[in-house]
Amino acid sequence: MEQDVNITIIDREGVSHTIEAPTDMAMNLMEVVRSYELAPEGTIGICGGMAMCASCQCYVLSDTLLPDMQDDEEAMLSEAFHVKDNSRLGCQLRITQELEGLKVELAPAE
């Protein structure tokens, strides 16, 4: 039986939140941020999770093994602002058991 994973998210004000994210609801990291209201409404997931806006960009701070970046995520990050070597789009990171202990920081809104 799958269970929740612990993820630490640093919001855009620098406040750290350790939350439990469900692995049994097919959610992604962007949706978890929205459900816990860790970013103001309308500032994250603007495209609905289609890797077309980079509003859910985050910086991966832990050495958690993540799935490889797909072409559309890579293309969006190549055009986004505030991109770093550890940038990923939250909408492209599905919540799975492998994300246990993940620590991310939300990128600035603009």
C-alpha atoms as a PDB file:
ATOM      1  CA  MET A   1       0.000   0.000   0.000  1.00  0.00           C
ATOM      2  CA  GLU A   2       1.334   3.395  -0.952  1.00  0.00           C
ATOM      3  CA  GLN A   3       1.609   6.128   1.623  1.00  0.00           C
ATOM      4  CA  ASP A   4       2.387   9.819   1.899  1.00  0.00           C
ATOM      5  CA  VAL A   5       5.897  11.159   1.425  1.00  0.00           C
ATOM      6  CA  ASN A   6       7.534  13.981   3.354  1.00  0.00           C
ATOM      7  CA  ILE A   7       8.564  16.937   1.217  1.00  0.00           C
ATOM      8  CA  THR A   8      10.054  20.262   2.313  1.00  0.00           C
ATOM      9  CA  ILE A   9       9.013  23.302   0.282  1.00  0.00           C
ATOM     10  CA  ILE A  10      10.523  26.731   0.829  1.00  0.00           C
ATOM     11  CA  ASP A  11       7.978  29.311  -0.297  1.00  0.00           C
ATOM     12  CA  ARG A  12       8.734  32.593  -2.080  1.00  0.00           C
ATOM     13  CA  GLU A  13       8.989  34.411   1.268  1.00  0.00           C
ATOM     14  CA  GLY A  14      11.709  32.001   2.422  1.00  0.00           C
ATOM     15  CA  VAL A  15       9.481  30.111   4.872  1.00  0.00           C
ATOM     16  CA  SER A  16      10.119  26.361   5.041  1.00  0.00           C
ATOM     17  CA  HIS A  17       7.121  23.988   5.099  1.00  0.00           C
ATOM     18  CA  THR A  18       7.515  20.244   5.673  1.00  0.00           C
ATOM     19  CA  ILE A  19       4.380  18.611   4.354  1.00  0.00           C
ATOM     20  CA  GLU A  20       2.980  15.174   3.679  1.00  0.00           C
ATOM     21  CA  ALA A  21       2.192  14.673   0.006  1.00  0.00           C
ATOM     22  CA  PRO A  22      -0.091  11.822  -1.099  1.00  0.00           C
ATOM     23  CA  THR A  23       1.344   9.257  -3.490  1.00  0.00           C
ATOM     24  CA  ASP A  24      -2.047   7.724  -4.295  1.00  0.00           C
ATOM     25  CA  MET A  25      -3.743  10.699  -5.990  1.00  0.00           C
ATOM     26  CA  ALA A  26      -1.606  11.100  -9.160  1.00  0.00           C
ATOM     27  CA  MET A  27      -0.656  14.618  -8.072  1.00  0.00           C
ATOM     28  CA  ASN A  28       2.426  16.551  -9.115  1.00  0.00           C
ATOM     29  CA  LEU A  29       4.513  18.940  -7.027  1.00  0.00           C
ATOM     30  CA  MET A  30       2.797  22.039  -8.466  1.00  0.00           C
ATOM     31  CA  GLU A  31      -0.613  20.673  -7.428  1.00  0.00           C
ATOM     32  CA  VAL A  32       0.681  19.950  -3.929  1.00  0.00           C
ATOM     33  CA  VAL A  33       1.969  23.530  -3.609  1.00  0.00           C
ATOM     34  CA  ARG A  34      -1.447  24.792  -4.698  1.00  0.00           C
ATOM     35  CA  SER A  35      -3.392  22.485  -2.373  1.00  0.00           C
ATOM     36  CA  TYR A  36      -1.318  23.581   0.626  1.00  0.00           C
ATOM     37  CA  GLU A  37      -1.628  27.236  -0.527  1.00  0.00           C
ATOM     38  CA  LEU A  38       2.150  27.777  -0.423  1.00  0.00           C
ATOM     39  CA  ALA A  39       1.989  30.347  -3.237  1.00  0.00           C
ATOM     40  CA  PRO A  40      -0.603  33.079  -3.807  1.00  0.00           C
ATOM     41  CA  GLU A  41      -3.537  32.055  -6.005  1.00  0.00           C
ATOM     42  CA  GLY A  42      -2.840  32.708  -9.686  1.00  0.00           C
ATOM     43  CA  THR A  43       0.966  32.711  -9.319  1.00  0.00           C
ATOM     44  CA  ILE A  44       1.696  29.013  -9.733  1.00  0.00           C
ATOM     45  CA  GLY A  45       0.474  26.507 -12.303  1.00  0.00           C
ATOM     46  CA  ILE A  46      -0.927  29.171 -14.594  1.00  0.00           C
ATOM     47  CA  CYS A  47      -0.865  26.837 -17.614  1.00  0.00           C
ATOM     48  CA  GLY A  48      -2.528  24.045 -15.644  1.00  0.00           C
ATOM     49  CA  GLY A  49       0.512  21.805 -15.535  1.00  0.00           C
ATOM     50  CA  MET A  50       1.298  21.603 -19.238  1.00  0.00           C
ATOM     51  CA  ALA A  51       4.985  22.717 -18.954  1.00  0.00           C
ATOM     52  CA  MET A  52       4.095  25.898 -20.863  1.00  0.00           C
ATOM     53  CA  CYS A  53       4.597  28.747 -18.358  1.00  0.00           C
ATOM     54  CA  ALA A  54       7.343  27.970 -15.799  1.00  0.00           C
ATOM     55  CA  SER A  55       5.267  29.538 -12.995  1.00  0.00           C
ATOM     56  CA  CYS A  56       5.884  26.361 -10.963  1.00  0.00           C
ATOM     57  CA  GLN A  57       9.652  26.430 -11.400  1.00  0.00           C
ATOM     58  CA  CYS A  58      11.502  25.298  -8.312  1.00  0.00           C
ATOM     59  CA  TYR A  59      15.081  24.687  -7.263  1.00  0.00           C
ATOM     60  CA  VAL A  60      15.850  21.150  -6.096  1.00  0.00           C
ATOM     61  CA  LEU A  61      17.938  21.427  -2.916  1.00  0.00           C
ATOM     62  CA  SER A  62      18.149  17.740  -1.952  1.00  0.00           C
ATOM     63  CA  ASP A  63      19.967  14.942  -3.740  1.00  0.00           C
ATOM     64  CA  THR A  64      16.684  13.096  -4.316  1.00  0.00           C
ATOM     65  CA  LEU A  65      16.752  10.999  -7.481  1.00  0.00           C
ATOM     66  CA  LEU A  66      14.270  12.592  -9.897  1.00  0.00           C
ATOM     67  CA  PRO A  67      12.881  11.357 -13.210  1.00  0.00           C
ATOM     68  CA  ASP A  68      14.751  12.605 -16.255  1.00  0.00           C
ATOM     69  CA  MET A  69      13.665  15.924 -17.710  1.00  0.00           C
ATOM     70  CA  GLN A  70      11.522  15.566 -20.831  1.00  0.00           C
ATOM     71  CA  ASP A  71      11.957  17.734 -23.941  1.00  0.00           C
ATOM     72  CA  ASP A  72       9.016  20.071 -23.228  1.00  0.00           C
ATOM     73  CA  GLU A  73      10.225  20.787 -19.676  1.00  0.00           C
ATOM     74  CA  GLU A  74      13.747  21.442 -20.918  1.00  0.00           C
ATOM     75  CA  ALA A  75      12.432  23.752 -23.661  1.00  0.00           C
ATOM     76  CA  MET A  76      10.306  25.745 -21.195  1.00  0.00           C
ATOM     77  CA  LEU A  77      13.194  26.162 -18.762  1.00  0.00           C
ATOM     78  CA  SER A  78      15.427  27.366 -21.601  1.00  0.00           C
ATOM     79  CA  GLU A  79      13.057  30.343 -22.002  1.00  0.00           C
ATOM     80  CA  ALA A  80      12.202  30.978 -18.326  1.00  0.00           C
ATOM     81  CA  PHE A  81      13.573  33.598 -15.936  1.00  0.00           C
ATOM     82  CA  HIS A  82      15.646  32.827 -12.787  1.00  0.00           C
ATOM     83  CA  VAL A  83      16.719  29.402 -14.121  1.00  0.00           C
ATOM     84  CA  LYS A  84      19.517  27.621 -12.252  1.00  0.00           C
ATOM     85  CA  ASP A  85      21.289  24.298 -12.793  1.00  0.00           C
ATOM     86  CA  ASN A  86      18.925  22.682 -10.266  1.00  0.00           C
ATOM     87  CA  SER A  87      15.702  24.104 -11.759  1.00  0.00           C
ATOM     88  CA  ARG A  88      12.752  21.833 -12.455  1.00  0.00           C
ATOM     89  CA  LEU A  89       9.086  22.436 -13.213  1.00  0.00           C
ATOM     90  CA  GLY A  90       6.918  21.269 -10.326  1.00  0.00           C
ATOM     91  CA  CYS A  91       4.164  20.213 -12.730  1.00  0.00           C
ATOM     92  CA  GLN A  92       6.515  17.629 -14.227  1.00  0.00           C
ATOM     93  CA  LEU A  93       7.412  15.980 -10.897  1.00  0.00           C
ATOM     94  CA  ARG A  94       4.806  13.346 -10.034  1.00  0.00           C
ATOM     95  CA  ILE A  95       4.466  12.568  -6.332  1.00  0.00           C
ATOM     96  CA  THR A  96       5.829   9.042  -5.871  1.00  0.00           C
ATOM     97  CA  GLN A  97       7.528   7.116  -3.064  1.00  0.00           C
ATOM     98  CA  GLU A  98      10.875   8.011  -4.656  1.00  0.00           C
ATOM     99  CA  LEU A  99      10.336  11.682  -3.710  1.00  0.00           C
ATOM    100  CA  GLU A 100      10.523  10.942   0.034  1.00  0.00           C
ATOM    101  CA  GLY A 101      12.744  13.634   1.591  1.00  0.00           C
ATOM    102  CA  LEU A 102      12.639  15.951  -1.434  1.00  0.00           C
ATOM    103  CA  LYS A 103      13.515  19.569  -0.605  1.00  0.00           C
ATOM    104  CA  VAL A 104      12.733  22.361  -3.047  1.00  0.00           C
ATOM    105  CA  GLU A 105      12.581  26.146  -3.082  1.00  0.00           C
ATOM    106  CA  LEU A 106      10.011  27.933  -5.221  1.00  0.00           C
ATOM    107  CA  ALA A 107      11.589  30.202  -7.835  1.00  0.00           C
ATOM    108  CA  PRO A 108      10.614  33.902  -7.787  1.00  0.00           C
ATOM    109  CA  ALA A 109       7.295  34.675  -9.484  1.00  0.00           C
ATOM    110  CA  GLU A 110       8.969  37.206 -11.800  1.00  0.00           C
END
